[in-house]
Amino acid sequence: MSDTRLPGSNGNHNALVQKVWNYAHVLRDQGVSYGDYIEQITYLLFLKMDQEREDLL
């Protein structure tokens, strides 16, 4: 994912929300079940948050 830090900019928040929906649509269109694509997107968000936390240290 590109730089979409949430604090301080609503534009970055909107960009992140749009990316999440785009990933959800791709997974859904590939036949991935709702529960499975929620799990995958949650994991991607976790990795993004971990990366941002590491960048701050």
PDB file of N, CA and C in Angstrom:
ATOM      1  N   MET A   1       0.836  -1.179   0.000  1.00  0.00           N
ATOM      2  CA  MET A   1       0.000   0.000   0.000  1.00  0.00           C
ATOM      3  C   MET A   1       0.880   1.241   0.000  1.00  0.00           C
ATOM      4  N   SER A   2       0.366   2.283  -0.586  1.00  0.00           N
ATOM      5  CA  SER A   2       1.111   3.530  -0.594  1.00  0.00           C
ATOM      6  C   SER A   2       0.928   4.244   0.735  1.00  0.00           C
ATOM      7  N   ASP A   3       1.556   5.416   0.865  1.00  0.00           N
ATOM      8  CA  ASP A   3       1.510   6.177   2.108  1.00  0.00           C
ATOM      9  C   ASP A   3       0.118   6.746   2.331  1.00  0.00           C
ATOM     10  N   THR A   4      -0.644   6.156   3.227  1.00  0.00           N
ATOM     11  CA  THR A   4      -2.005   6.615   3.524  1.00  0.00           C
ATOM     12  C   THR A   4      -2.178   6.767   5.026  1.00  0.00           C
ATOM     13  N   ARG A   5      -1.333   7.561   5.643  1.00  0.00           N
ATOM     14  CA  ARG A   5      -1.418   7.778   7.086  1.00  0.00           C
ATOM     15  C   ARG A   5      -2.712   8.499   7.417  1.00  0.00           C
ATOM     16  N   LEU A   6      -3.387   8.037   8.453  1.00  0.00           N
ATOM     17  CA  LEU A   6      -4.675   8.603   8.821  1.00  0.00           C
ATOM     18  C   LEU A   6      -4.591   9.921   9.584  1.00  0.00           C
ATOM     19  N   PRO A   7      -3.689  10.083  10.567  1.00  0.00           N
ATOM     20  CA  PRO A   7      -3.713  11.319  11.342  1.00  0.00           C
ATOM     21  C   PRO A   7      -3.419  12.547  10.488  1.00  0.00           C
ATOM     22  N   GLY A   8      -4.237  13.584  10.686  1.00  0.00           N
ATOM     23  CA  GLY A   8      -3.923  14.866  10.095  1.00  0.00           C
ATOM     24  C   GLY A   8      -4.483  15.136   8.720  1.00  0.00           C
ATOM     25  N   SER A   9      -5.011  14.150   8.038  1.00  0.00           N
ATOM     26  CA  SER A   9      -5.492  14.421   6.691  1.00  0.00           C
ATOM     27  C   SER A   9      -6.674  13.531   6.354  1.00  0.00           C
ATOM     28  N   ASN A  10      -7.807  14.153   6.148  1.00  0.00           N
ATOM     29  CA  ASN A  10      -9.003  13.409   5.775  1.00  0.00           C
ATOM     30  C   ASN A  10      -8.864  12.816   4.381  1.00  0.00           C
ATOM     31  N   GLY A  11      -8.097  13.472   3.505  1.00  0.00           N
ATOM     32  CA  GLY A  11      -7.872  12.946   2.160  1.00  0.00           C
ATOM     33  C   GLY A  11      -7.194  11.591   2.189  1.00  0.00           C
ATOM     34  N   ASN A  12      -6.230  11.424   3.080  1.00  0.00           N
ATOM     35  CA  ASN A  12      -5.558  10.135   3.204  1.00  0.00           C
ATOM     36  C   ASN A  12      -6.511   9.073   3.734  1.00  0.00           C
ATOM     37  N   HIS A  13      -7.389   9.466   4.633  1.00  0.00           N
ATOM     38  CA  HIS A  13      -8.398   8.539   5.156  1.00  0.00           C
ATOM     39  C   HIS A  13      -9.300   8.063   4.020  1.00  0.00           C
ATOM     40  N   ASN A  14      -9.765   8.994   3.213  1.00  0.00           N
ATOM     41  CA  ASN A  14     -10.640   8.634   2.095  1.00  0.00           C
ATOM     42  C   ASN A  14      -9.926   7.736   1.099  1.00  0.00           C
ATOM     43  N   ALA A  15      -8.650   7.995   0.856  1.00  0.00           N
ATOM     44  CA  ALA A  15      -7.873   7.162  -0.063  1.00  0.00           C
ATOM     45  C   ALA A  15      -7.759   5.740   0.474  1.00  0.00           C
ATOM     46  N   LEU A  16      -7.547   5.610   1.777  1.00  0.00           N
ATOM     47  CA  LEU A  16      -7.438   4.283   2.380  1.00  0.00           C
ATOM     48  C   LEU A  16      -8.765   3.538   2.301  1.00  0.00           C
ATOM     49  N   VAL A  17      -9.850   4.235   2.594  1.00  0.00           N
ATOM     50  CA  VAL A  17     -11.172   3.607   2.514  1.00  0.00           C
ATOM     51  C   VAL A  17     -11.432   3.126   1.092  1.00  0.00           C
ATOM     52  N   GLN A  18     -11.087   3.939   0.106  1.00  0.00           N
ATOM     53  CA  GLN A  18     -11.295   3.552  -1.289  1.00  0.00           C
ATOM     54  C   GLN A  18     -10.453   2.328  -1.650  1.00  0.00           C
ATOM     55  N   LYS A  19      -9.207   2.275  -1.169  1.00  0.00           N
ATOM     56  CA  LYS A  19      -8.354   1.109  -1.431  1.00  0.00           C
ATOM     57  C   LYS A  19      -8.944  -0.154  -0.818  1.00  0.00           C
ATOM     58  N   VAL A  20      -9.448  -0.040   0.405  1.00  0.00           N
ATOM     59  CA  VAL A  20     -10.048  -1.206   1.063  1.00  0.00           C
ATOM     60  C   VAL A  20     -11.229  -1.713   0.248  1.00  0.00           C
ATOM     61  N   TRP A  21     -12.092  -0.802  -0.210  1.00  0.00           N
ATOM     62  CA  TRP A  21     -13.236  -1.224  -1.018  1.00  0.00           C
ATOM     63  C   TRP A  21     -12.778  -1.835  -2.336  1.00  0.00           C
ATOM     64  N   ASN A  22     -11.731  -1.280  -2.935  1.00  0.00           N
ATOM     65  CA  ASN A  22     -11.214  -1.848  -4.183  1.00  0.00           C
ATOM     66  C   ASN A  22     -10.719  -3.278  -3.964  1.00  0.00           C
ATOM     67  N   TYR A  23      -9.971  -3.500  -2.871  1.00  0.00           N
ATOM     68  CA  TYR A  23      -9.510  -4.855  -2.562  1.00  0.00           C
ATOM     69  C   TYR A  23     -10.690  -5.787  -2.328  1.00  0.00           C
ATOM     70  N   ALA A  24     -11.706  -5.299  -1.619  1.00  0.00           N
ATOM     71  CA  ALA A  24     -12.887  -6.122  -1.342  1.00  0.00           C
ATOM     72  C   ALA A  24     -13.582  -6.531  -2.639  1.00  0.00           C
ATOM     73  N   HIS A  25     -13.691  -5.604  -3.569  1.00  0.00           N
ATOM     74  CA  HIS A  25     -14.362  -5.912  -4.835  1.00  0.00           C
ATOM     75  C   HIS A  25     -13.559  -6.911  -5.662  1.00  0.00           C
ATOM     76  N   VAL A  26     -12.236  -6.762  -5.678  1.00  0.00           N
ATOM     77  CA  VAL A  26     -11.393  -7.706  -6.419  1.00  0.00           C
ATOM     78  C   VAL A  26     -11.545  -9.107  -5.837  1.00  0.00           C
ATOM     79  N   LEU A  27     -11.456  -9.220  -4.514  1.00  0.00           N
ATOM     80  CA  LEU A  27     -11.576 -10.535  -3.883  1.00  0.00           C
ATOM     81  C   LEU A  27     -12.963 -11.129  -4.111  1.00  0.00           C
ATOM     82  N   ARG A  28     -13.997 -10.317  -3.970  1.00  0.00           N
ATOM     83  CA  ARG A  28     -15.371 -10.790  -4.203  1.00  0.00           C
ATOM     84  C   ARG A  28     -15.532 -11.273  -5.641  1.00  0.00           C
ATOM     85  N   ASP A  29     -15.001 -10.506  -6.591  1.00  0.00           N
ATOM     86  CA  ASP A  29     -15.125 -10.868  -8.002  1.00  0.00           C
ATOM     87  C   ASP A  29     -14.366 -12.146  -8.346  1.00  0.00           C
ATOM     88  N   GLN A  30     -13.390 -12.507  -7.527  1.00  0.00           N
ATOM     89  CA  GLN A  30     -12.633 -13.737  -7.743  1.00  0.00           C
ATOM     90  C   GLN A  30     -13.278 -14.931  -7.045  1.00  0.00           C
ATOM     91  N   GLY A  31     -14.433 -14.706  -6.434  1.00  0.00           N
ATOM     92  CA  GLY A  31     -15.161 -15.804  -5.805  1.00  0.00           C
ATOM     93  C   GLY A  31     -14.794 -16.063  -4.360  1.00  0.00           C
ATOM     94  N   VAL A  32     -14.043 -15.153  -3.748  1.00  0.00           N
ATOM     95  CA  VAL A  32     -13.671 -15.312  -2.346  1.00  0.00           C
ATOM     96  C   VAL A  32     -14.895 -14.975  -1.492  1.00  0.00           C
ATOM     97  N   SER A  33     -15.177 -15.784  -0.503  1.00  0.00           N
ATOM     98  CA  SER A  33     -16.357 -15.554   0.341  1.00  0.00           C
ATOM     99  C   SER A  33     -16.178 -14.295   1.191  1.00  0.00           C
ATOM    100  N   TYR A  34     -17.308 -13.759   1.637  1.00  0.00           N
ATOM    101  CA  TYR A  34     -17.312 -12.534   2.444  1.00  0.00           C
ATOM    102  C   TYR A  34     -16.391 -12.661   3.660  1.00  0.00           C
ATOM    103  N   GLY A  35     -16.538 -13.721   4.414  1.00  0.00           N
ATOM    104  CA  GLY A  35     -15.714 -13.921   5.607  1.00  0.00           C
ATOM    105  C   GLY A  35     -14.237 -13.998   5.287  1.00  0.00           C
ATOM    106  N   ASP A  36     -13.905 -14.668   4.191  1.00  0.00           N
ATOM    107  CA  ASP A  36     -12.502 -14.802   3.807  1.00  0.00           C
ATOM    108  C   ASP A  36     -11.909 -13.476   3.350  1.00  0.00           C
ATOM    109  N   TYR A  37     -12.676 -12.689   2.581  1.00  0.00           N
ATOM    110  CA  TYR A  37     -12.064 -11.434   2.140  1.00  0.00           C
ATOM    111  C   TYR A  37     -12.009 -10.407   3.262  1.00  0.00           C
ATOM    112  N   ILE A  38     -12.909 -10.475   4.226  1.00  0.00           N
ATOM    113  CA  ILE A  38     -12.786  -9.611   5.408  1.00  0.00           C
ATOM    114  C   ILE A  38     -11.516  -9.975   6.173  1.00  0.00           C
ATOM    115  N   GLU A  39     -11.249 -11.266   6.305  1.00  0.00           N
ATOM    116  CA  GLU A  39     -10.032 -11.719   6.988  1.00  0.00           C
ATOM    117  C   GLU A  39      -8.785 -11.217   6.268  1.00  0.00           C
ATOM    118  N   GLN A  40      -8.758 -11.331   4.951  1.00  0.00           N
ATOM    119  CA  GLN A  40      -7.591 -10.907   4.178  1.00  0.00           C
ATOM    120  C   GLN A  40      -7.375  -9.396   4.266  1.00  0.00           C
ATOM    121  N   ILE A  41      -8.444  -8.627   4.166  1.00  0.00           N
ATOM    122  CA  ILE A  41      -8.326  -7.168   4.240  1.00  0.00           C
ATOM    123  C   ILE A  41      -7.902  -6.737   5.645  1.00  0.00           C
ATOM    124  N   THR A  42      -8.419  -7.405   6.661  1.00  0.00           N
ATOM    125  CA  THR A  42      -8.016  -7.105   8.034  1.00  0.00           C
ATOM    126  C   THR A  42      -6.528  -7.338   8.209  1.00  0.00           C
ATOM    127  N   TYR A  43      -6.017  -8.422   7.639  1.00  0.00           N
ATOM    128  CA  TYR A  43      -4.589  -8.717   7.732  1.00  0.00           C
ATOM    129  C   TYR A  43      -3.771  -7.651   7.009  1.00  0.00           C
ATOM    130  N   LEU A  44      -4.214  -7.203   5.829  1.00  0.00           N
ATOM    131  CA  LEU A  44      -3.507  -6.139   5.111  1.00  0.00           C
ATOM    132  C   LEU A  44      -3.469  -4.851   5.933  1.00  0.00           C
ATOM    133  N   LEU A  45      -4.582  -4.515   6.574  1.00  0.00           N
ATOM    134  CA  LEU A  45      -4.615  -3.320   7.420  1.00  0.00           C
ATOM    135  C   LEU A  45      -3.681  -3.463   8.619  1.00  0.00           C
ATOM    136  N   PHE A  46      -3.637  -4.650   9.209  1.00  0.00           N
ATOM    137  CA  PHE A  46      -2.714  -4.900  10.312  1.00  0.00           C
ATOM    138  C   PHE A  46      -1.274  -4.689   9.865  1.00  0.00           C
ATOM    139  N   LEU A  47      -0.916  -5.223   8.701  1.00  0.00           N
ATOM    140  CA  LEU A  47       0.447  -5.056   8.199  1.00  0.00           C
ATOM    141  C   LEU A  47       0.766  -3.589   7.934  1.00  0.00           C
ATOM    142  N   LYS A  48      -0.194  -2.844   7.390  1.00  0.00           N
ATOM    143  CA  LYS A  48      -0.003  -1.419   7.125  1.00  0.00           C
ATOM    144  C   LYS A  48       0.207  -0.661   8.431  1.00  0.00           C
ATOM    145  N   MET A  49      -0.600  -0.949   9.438  1.00  0.00           N
ATOM    146  CA  MET A  49      -0.452  -0.275  10.729  1.00  0.00           C
ATOM    147  C   MET A  49       0.891  -0.605  11.369  1.00  0.00           C
ATOM    148  N   ASP A  50       1.327  -1.844  11.262  1.00  0.00           N
ATOM    149  CA  ASP A  50       2.615  -2.249  11.811  1.00  0.00           C
ATOM    150  C   ASP A  50       3.752  -1.529  11.101  1.00  0.00           C
ATOM    151  N   GLN A  51       3.654  -1.405   9.785  1.00  0.00           N
ATOM    152  CA  GLN A  51       4.677  -0.692   9.011  1.00  0.00           C
ATOM    153  C   GLN A  51       4.753   0.772   9.445  1.00  0.00           C
ATOM    154  N   GLU A  52       3.617   1.421   9.600  1.00  0.00           N
ATOM    155  CA  GLU A  52       3.605   2.817  10.024  1.00  0.00           C
ATOM    156  C   GLU A  52       4.167   2.974  11.430  1.00  0.00           C
ATOM    157  N   ARG A  53       3.858   2.035  12.312  1.00  0.00           N
ATOM    158  CA  ARG A  53       4.403   2.087  13.674  1.00  0.00           C
ATOM    159  C   ARG A  53       5.919   1.967  13.642  1.00  0.00           C
ATOM    160  N   GLU A  54       6.427   1.054  12.821  1.00  0.00           N
ATOM    161  CA  GLU A  54       7.874   0.875  12.690  1.00  0.00           C
ATOM    162  C   GLU A  54       8.532   2.124  12.118  1.00  0.00           C
ATOM    163  N   ASP A  55       7.867   2.778  11.166  1.00  0.00           N
ATOM    164  CA  ASP A  55       8.419   3.991  10.557  1.00  0.00           C
ATOM    165  C   ASP A  55       8.551   5.120  11.573  1.00  0.00           C
ATOM    166  N   LEU A  56       7.687   5.132  12.585  1.00  0.00           N
ATOM    167  CA  LEU A  56       7.735   6.176  13.601  1.00  0.00           C
ATOM    168  C   LEU A  56       8.860   5.959  14.604  1.00  0.00           C
ATOM    169  N   LEU A  57       9.332   4.736  14.733  1.00  0.00           N
ATOM    170  CA  LEU A  57      10.381   4.432  15.719  1.00  0.00           C
ATOM    171  C   LEU A  57      11.741   4.782  15.228  1.00  0.00           C
TER     172      LEU A  57
END
